[in-house]
PDB file of N, CA and C in Angstrom:
ATOM      1  N   MET A   1      -1.266  -5.126 -29.897  1.00  0.00           N
ATOM      2  CA  MET A   1      -1.780  -6.428 -29.509  1.00  0.00           C
ATOM      3  C   MET A   1      -1.745  -6.608 -27.996  1.00  0.00           C
ATOM      4  N   SER A   2      -0.606  -6.246 -27.337  1.00  0.00           N
ATOM      5  CA  SER A   2      -0.550  -6.537 -25.840  1.00  0.00           C
ATOM      6  C   SER A   2      -1.559  -5.718 -25.063  1.00  0.00           C
ATOM      7  N   ALA A   3      -2.022  -4.476 -25.731  1.00  0.00           N
ATOM      8  CA  ALA A   3      -3.033  -3.541 -24.894  1.00  0.00           C
ATOM      9  C   ALA A   3      -4.240  -4.288 -24.971  1.00  0.00           C
ATOM     10  N   GLN A   4      -4.507  -4.993 -26.061  1.00  0.00           N
ATOM     11  CA  GLN A   4      -6.001  -5.797 -26.226  1.00  0.00           C
ATOM     12  C   GLN A   4      -5.965  -6.826 -25.137  1.00  0.00           C
ATOM     13  N   ILE A   5      -4.765  -7.604 -25.065  1.00  0.00           N
ATOM     14  CA  ILE A   5      -4.822  -8.562 -24.219  1.00  0.00           C
ATOM     15  C   ILE A   5      -4.802  -8.116 -22.802  1.00  0.00           C
ATOM     16  N   GLU A   6      -4.321  -7.140 -22.390  1.00  0.00           N
ATOM     17  CA  GLU A   6      -4.234  -6.495 -21.027  1.00  0.00           C
ATOM     18  C   GLU A   6      -5.691  -5.861 -20.675  1.00  0.00           C
ATOM     19  N   ALA A   7      -6.365  -5.522 -21.692  1.00  0.00           N
ATOM     20  CA  ALA A   7      -7.783  -4.993 -21.568  1.00  0.00           C
ATOM     21  C   ALA A   7      -8.615  -6.211 -21.315  1.00  0.00           C
ATOM     22  N   ALA A   8      -8.414  -7.210 -22.036  1.00  0.00           N
ATOM     23  CA  ALA A   8      -9.282  -8.452 -21.914  1.00  0.00           C
ATOM     24  C   ALA A   8      -8.993  -8.984 -20.439  1.00  0.00           C
ATOM     25  N   GLU A   9      -7.835  -9.220 -20.110  1.00  0.00           N
ATOM     26  CA  GLU A   9      -7.480  -9.844 -18.894  1.00  0.00           C
ATOM     27  C   GLU A   9      -8.015  -8.906 -17.722  1.00  0.00           C
ATOM     28  N   THR A  10      -8.071  -7.529 -17.835  1.00  0.00           N
ATOM     29  CA  THR A  10      -8.677  -6.767 -16.724  1.00  0.00           C
ATOM     30  C   THR A  10     -10.107  -6.981 -16.832  1.00  0.00           C
ATOM     31  N   GLN A  11     -10.827  -6.948 -17.782  1.00  0.00           N
ATOM     32  CA  GLN A  11     -12.361  -7.186 -17.811  1.00  0.00           C
ATOM     33  C   GLN A  11     -12.582  -8.632 -17.379  1.00  0.00           C
ATOM     34  N   LEU A  12     -11.846  -9.537 -17.671  1.00  0.00           N
ATOM     35  CA  LEU A  12     -12.232 -10.927 -17.091  1.00  0.00           C
ATOM     36  C   LEU A  12     -11.840 -11.031 -15.562  1.00  0.00           C
ATOM     37  N   GLY A  13     -10.881 -10.318 -15.140  1.00  0.00           N
ATOM     38  CA  GLY A  13     -10.511 -10.332 -13.753  1.00  0.00           C
ATOM     39  C   GLY A  13     -11.710  -9.595 -12.935  1.00  0.00           C
ATOM     40  N   LEU A  14     -12.042  -8.500 -13.395  1.00  0.00           N
ATOM     41  CA  LEU A  14     -13.205  -7.901 -12.776  1.00  0.00           C
ATOM     42  C   LEU A  14     -14.576  -8.725 -12.764  1.00  0.00           C
ATOM     43  N   ALA A  15     -14.771  -9.489 -13.754  1.00  0.00           N
ATOM     44  CA  ALA A  15     -15.853 -10.325 -13.802  1.00  0.00           C
ATOM     45  C   ALA A  15     -15.738 -11.409 -12.705  1.00  0.00           C
ATOM     46  N   LEU A  16     -14.506 -12.016 -12.777  1.00  0.00           N
ATOM     47  CA  LEU A  16     -14.169 -13.006 -11.646  1.00  0.00           C
ATOM     48  C   LEU A  16     -14.257 -12.676 -10.270  1.00  0.00           C
ATOM     49  N   ARG A  17     -13.792 -11.343 -10.130  1.00  0.00           N
ATOM     50  CA  ARG A  17     -13.822 -10.888  -8.689  1.00  0.00           C
ATOM     51  C   ARG A  17     -15.281 -10.579  -8.305  1.00  0.00           C
ATOM     52  N   THR A  18     -16.270 -10.223  -9.160  1.00  0.00           N
ATOM     53  CA  THR A  18     -17.631 -10.117  -8.612  1.00  0.00           C
ATOM     54  C   THR A  18     -18.062 -11.488  -8.415  1.00  0.00           C
ATOM     55  N   ARG A  19     -17.917 -12.582  -9.127  1.00  0.00           N
ATOM     56  CA  ARG A  19     -18.375 -14.033  -8.922  1.00  0.00           C
ATOM     57  C   ARG A  19     -17.760 -14.560  -7.683  1.00  0.00           C
ATOM     58  N   LEU A  20     -16.506 -14.199  -7.408  1.00  0.00           N
ATOM     59  CA  LEU A  20     -15.650 -14.861  -6.270  1.00  0.00           C
ATOM     60  C   LEU A  20     -15.768 -14.276  -4.927  1.00  0.00           C
ATOM     61  N   ARG A  21     -16.253 -12.948  -4.977  1.00  0.00           N
ATOM     62  CA  ARG A  21     -16.278 -12.040  -3.848  1.00  0.00           C
ATOM     63  C   ARG A  21     -17.009 -12.837  -2.612  1.00  0.00           C
ATOM     64  N   PRO A  22     -18.117 -13.451  -2.723  1.00  0.00           N
ATOM     65  CA  PRO A  22     -18.745 -14.142  -1.524  1.00  0.00           C
ATOM     66  C   PRO A  22     -17.743 -15.222  -0.931  1.00  0.00           C
ATOM     67  N   PHE A  23     -17.013 -15.930  -1.653  1.00  0.00           N
ATOM     68  CA  PHE A  23     -16.098 -16.772  -1.166  1.00  0.00           C
ATOM     69  C   PHE A  23     -14.854 -16.080  -0.401  1.00  0.00           C
ATOM     70  N   GLN A  24     -14.417 -14.957  -0.885  1.00  0.00           N
ATOM     71  CA  GLN A  24     -13.382 -14.318  -0.247  1.00  0.00           C
ATOM     72  C   GLN A  24     -13.992 -13.774   0.953  1.00  0.00           C
ATOM     73  N   ASP A  25     -15.092 -13.266   0.932  1.00  0.00           N
ATOM     74  CA  ASP A  25     -15.783 -12.582   2.267  1.00  0.00           C
ATOM     75  C   ASP A  25     -15.700 -13.815   3.182  1.00  0.00           C
ATOM     76  N   ARG A  26     -16.197 -14.975   3.025  1.00  0.00           N
ATOM     77  CA  ARG A  26     -16.327 -15.977   3.956  1.00  0.00           C
ATOM     78  C   ARG A  26     -14.830 -16.339   4.435  1.00  0.00           C
ATOM     79  N   TYR A  27     -13.856 -16.358   3.582  1.00  0.00           N
ATOM     80  CA  TYR A  27     -12.508 -16.666   4.066  1.00  0.00           C
ATOM     81  C   TYR A  27     -11.976 -15.656   4.887  1.00  0.00           C
ATOM     82  N   GLU A  28     -12.142 -14.446   4.625  1.00  0.00           N
ATOM     83  CA  GLU A  28     -11.682 -13.393   5.393  1.00  0.00           C
ATOM     84  C   GLU A  28     -12.384 -13.348   6.840  1.00  0.00           C
ATOM     85  N   ARG A  29     -13.682 -13.703   6.825  1.00  0.00           N
ATOM     86  CA  ARG A  29     -14.433 -13.605   8.066  1.00  0.00           C
ATOM     87  C   ARG A  29     -13.816 -14.809   8.939  1.00  0.00           C
ATOM     88  N   ALA A  30     -13.421 -16.003   8.326  1.00  0.00           N
ATOM     89  CA  ALA A  30     -13.044 -17.091   9.095  1.00  0.00           C
ATOM     90  C   ALA A  30     -11.575 -16.840   9.539  1.00  0.00           C
ATOM     91  N   VAL A  31     -10.701 -16.172   8.971  1.00  0.00           N
ATOM     92  CA  VAL A  31      -9.499 -15.885   9.211  1.00  0.00           C
ATOM     93  C   VAL A  31      -9.533 -14.891  10.437  1.00  0.00           C
ATOM     94  N   ARG A  32     -10.251 -13.766  10.240  1.00  0.00           N
ATOM     95  CA  ARG A  32     -10.608 -12.785  11.347  1.00  0.00           C
ATOM     96  C   ARG A  32     -11.059 -13.266  12.586  1.00  0.00           C
ATOM     97  N   ASP A  33     -11.923 -13.979  12.479  1.00  0.00           N
ATOM     98  CA  ASP A  33     -12.700 -14.660  13.736  1.00  0.00           C
ATOM     99  C   ASP A  33     -11.891 -15.834  14.227  1.00  0.00           C
ATOM    100  N   SER A  34     -11.025 -16.420  13.511  1.00  0.00           N
ATOM    101  CA  SER A  34     -10.390 -17.657  13.950  1.00  0.00           C
ATOM    102  C   SER A  34     -11.435 -18.619  14.434  1.00  0.00           C
ATOM    103  N   ASP A  35     -12.433 -18.792  14.127  1.00  0.00           N
ATOM    104  CA  ASP A  35     -13.521 -19.753  14.485  1.00  0.00           C
ATOM    105  C   ASP A  35     -13.536 -21.150  13.880  1.00  0.00           C
ATOM    106  N   THR A  36     -13.049 -22.139  14.681  1.00  0.00           N
ATOM    107  CA  THR A  36     -12.950 -23.380  14.005  1.00  0.00           C
ATOM    108  C   THR A  36     -14.167 -23.873  13.367  1.00  0.00           C
ATOM    109  N   ALA A  37     -15.382 -23.618  13.945  1.00  0.00           N
ATOM    110  CA  ALA A  37     -16.567 -24.024  13.313  1.00  0.00           C
ATOM    111  C   ALA A  37     -16.755 -23.547  11.988  1.00  0.00           C
ATOM    112  N   VAL A  38     -16.354 -21.990  11.867  1.00  0.00           N
ATOM    113  CA  VAL A  38     -16.512 -21.450  10.513  1.00  0.00           C
ATOM    114  C   VAL A  38     -15.395 -22.167   9.610  1.00  0.00           C
ATOM    115  N   LEU A  39     -14.238 -22.359   9.927  1.00  0.00           N
ATOM    116  CA  LEU A  39     -13.229 -23.050   9.090  1.00  0.00           C
ATOM    117  C   LEU A  39     -13.743 -24.464   8.772  1.00  0.00           C
ATOM    118  N   THR A  40     -14.310 -25.210   9.636  1.00  0.00           N
ATOM    119  CA  THR A  40     -14.710 -26.471   9.285  1.00  0.00           C
ATOM    120  C   THR A  40     -15.971 -26.479   8.484  1.00  0.00           C
ATOM    121  N   GLY A  41     -16.687 -25.454   8.499  1.00  0.00           N
ATOM    122  CA  GLY A  41     -17.843 -25.244   7.610  1.00  0.00           C
ATOM    123  C   GLY A  41     -17.540 -24.831   6.210  1.00  0.00           C
ATOM    124  N   LEU A  42     -16.496 -24.144   6.129  1.00  0.00           N
ATOM    125  CA  LEU A  42     -15.990 -23.825   4.737  1.00  0.00           C
ATOM    126  C   LEU A  42     -15.438 -24.990   3.986  1.00  0.00           C
ATOM    127  N   CYS A  43     -14.663 -25.772   4.758  1.00  0.00           N
ATOM    128  CA  CYS A  43     -14.012 -26.813   3.995  1.00  0.00           C
ATOM    129  C   CYS A  43     -14.192 -27.905   5.149  1.00  0.00           C
ATOM    130  N   ALA A  44     -14.907 -28.902   4.949  1.00  0.00           N
ATOM    131  CA  ALA A  44     -14.876 -30.060   5.797  1.00  0.00           C
ATOM    132  C   ALA A  44     -13.813 -31.014   5.661  1.00  0.00           C
ATOM    133  N   GLY A  45     -12.899 -30.857   4.623  1.00  0.00           N
ATOM    134  CA  GLY A  45     -11.810 -31.604   4.221  1.00  0.00           C
ATOM    135  C   GLY A  45     -10.585 -31.205   5.073  1.00  0.00           C
ATOM    136  N   THR A  46      -9.522 -31.306   4.401  1.00  0.00           N
ATOM    137  CA  THR A  46      -8.154 -31.004   5.023  1.00  0.00           C
ATOM    138  C   THR A  46      -8.073 -29.644   5.813  1.00  0.00           C
ATOM    139  N   HIS A  47      -8.681 -28.648   5.034  1.00  0.00           N
ATOM    140  CA  HIS A  47      -8.525 -27.293   5.639  1.00  0.00           C
ATOM    141  C   HIS A  47      -9.101 -27.262   6.962  1.00  0.00           C
ATOM    142  N   GLY A  48     -10.496 -27.714   6.986  1.00  0.00           N
ATOM    143  CA  GLY A  48     -11.112 -27.517   8.188  1.00  0.00           C
ATOM    144  C   GLY A  48     -10.482 -28.245   9.293  1.00  0.00           C
ATOM    145  N   ARG A  49      -9.972 -29.521   9.027  1.00  0.00           N
ATOM    146  CA  ARG A  49      -9.444 -30.327  10.208  1.00  0.00           C
ATOM    147  C   ARG A  49      -8.161 -29.567  10.474  1.00  0.00           C
ATOM    148  N   CYS A  50      -7.261 -29.156   9.548  1.00  0.00           N
ATOM    149  CA  CYS A  50      -6.044 -28.537  10.035  1.00  0.00           C
ATOM    150  C   CYS A  50      -6.421 -27.290  11.029  1.00  0.00           C
ATOM    151  N   GLY A  51      -7.473 -26.557  10.513  1.00  0.00           N
ATOM    152  CA  GLY A  51      -7.722 -25.372  11.313  1.00  0.00           C
ATOM    153  C   GLY A  51      -8.152 -25.817  12.673  1.00  0.00           C
ATOM    154  N   ALA A  52      -8.759 -26.772  12.755  1.00  0.00           N
ATOM    155  CA  ALA A  52      -9.283 -27.349  14.039  1.00  0.00           C
ATOM    156  C   ALA A  52      -8.005 -27.935  14.954  1.00  0.00           C
ATOM    157  N   GLU A  53      -6.892 -28.537  14.310  1.00  0.00           N
ATOM    158  CA  GLU A  53      -5.860 -28.959  14.941  1.00  0.00           C
ATOM    159  C   GLU A  53      -4.893 -27.847  15.346  1.00  0.00           C
ATOM    160  N   LEU A  54      -4.871 -26.770  14.666  1.00  0.00           N
ATOM    161  CA  LEU A  54      -4.019 -25.843  14.969  1.00  0.00           C
ATOM    162  C   LEU A  54      -4.522 -24.821  15.995  1.00  0.00           C
ATOM    163  N   ARG A  55      -5.487 -24.885  16.294  1.00  0.00           N
ATOM    164  CA  ARG A  55      -6.088 -23.875  17.236  1.00  0.00           C
ATOM    165  C   ARG A  55      -5.682 -24.321  18.709  1.00  0.00           C
ATOM    166  N   PRO A  56      -5.243 -23.367  19.425  1.00  0.00           N
ATOM    167  CA  PRO A  56      -4.746 -23.782  20.872  1.00  0.00           C
ATOM    168  C   PRO A  56      -5.836 -24.369  21.625  1.00  0.00           C
TER     169      PRO A  56
END
Protein backbone atom coordinates (compact mmCIF):
# COMPACT_ATOMS: atom_id res chain seq x y z
CA MET A 1 0.00 0.00 0.00
CA SER A 2 2.80 2.47 0.81
CA ALA A 3 4.28 1.95 -2.67
CA GLN A 4 0.94 2.95 -4.19
CA ILE A 5 0.79 6.06 -2.03
CA GLU A 6 4.35 7.00 -2.94
CA ALA A 7 3.61 6.53 -6.65
CA ALA A 8 0.48 8.69 -6.39
CA GLU A 9 2.37 11.41 -4.49
CA THR A 10 5.11 11.38 -7.13
CA GLN A 11 2.57 11.64 -9.95
CA LEU A 12 0.75 14.52 -8.26
CA GLY A 13 4.04 16.26 -7.49
CA LEU A 14 5.08 16.11 -11.13
CA ALA A 15 1.72 17.50 -12.23
CA LEU A 16 1.94 20.35 -9.72
CA ARG A 17 5.53 21.13 -10.67
CA THR A 18 4.43 21.60 -14.28
CA ARG A 19 1.59 23.93 -13.29
CA LEU A 20 3.62 25.93 -10.78
CA ARG A 21 6.81 26.28 -12.87
CA PRO A 22 5.92 29.75 -14.22
CA PHE A 23 5.60 31.06 -10.66
CA GLN A 24 8.90 29.46 -9.65
CA ASP A 25 10.58 31.01 -12.70
CA ARG A 26 9.29 34.49 -11.81
CA TYR A 27 10.41 34.07 -8.20
CA GLU A 28 13.88 32.92 -9.22
CA ARG A 29 14.21 35.81 -11.68
CA ALA A 30 13.19 38.34 -9.01
CA VAL A 31 15.66 36.94 -6.51
CA ARG A 32 18.45 36.76 -9.09
CA ASP A 33 17.86 40.28 -10.37
CA SER A 34 17.02 41.74 -6.94
CA ASP A 35 14.80 44.13 -8.80
CA THR A 36 12.38 45.96 -6.52
CA ALA A 37 10.00 46.58 -9.41
CA VAL A 38 9.85 42.86 -10.15
CA LEU A 39 9.30 42.01 -6.49
CA THR A 40 6.53 44.58 -6.19
CA GLY A 41 4.98 43.34 -9.43
CA LEU A 42 4.91 39.78 -8.16
CA CYS A 43 3.31 40.72 -4.89
CA ALA A 44 1.98 44.21 -4.36
CA GLY A 45 1.27 43.28 -0.76
CA THR A 46 3.67 42.75 2.11
CA HIS A 47 6.30 40.84 0.15
CA GLY A 48 6.71 43.55 -2.46
CA ARG A 49 6.85 46.28 0.17
CA CYS A 50 9.39 44.38 2.25
CA GLY A 51 11.56 43.84 -0.81
CA ALA A 52 11.47 47.57 -1.47
CA GLU A 53 12.27 48.39 2.15
CA LEU A 54 15.16 45.93 2.38
CA ARG A 55 16.98 47.14 -0.70
CA PRO A 56 19.96 49.36 0.09
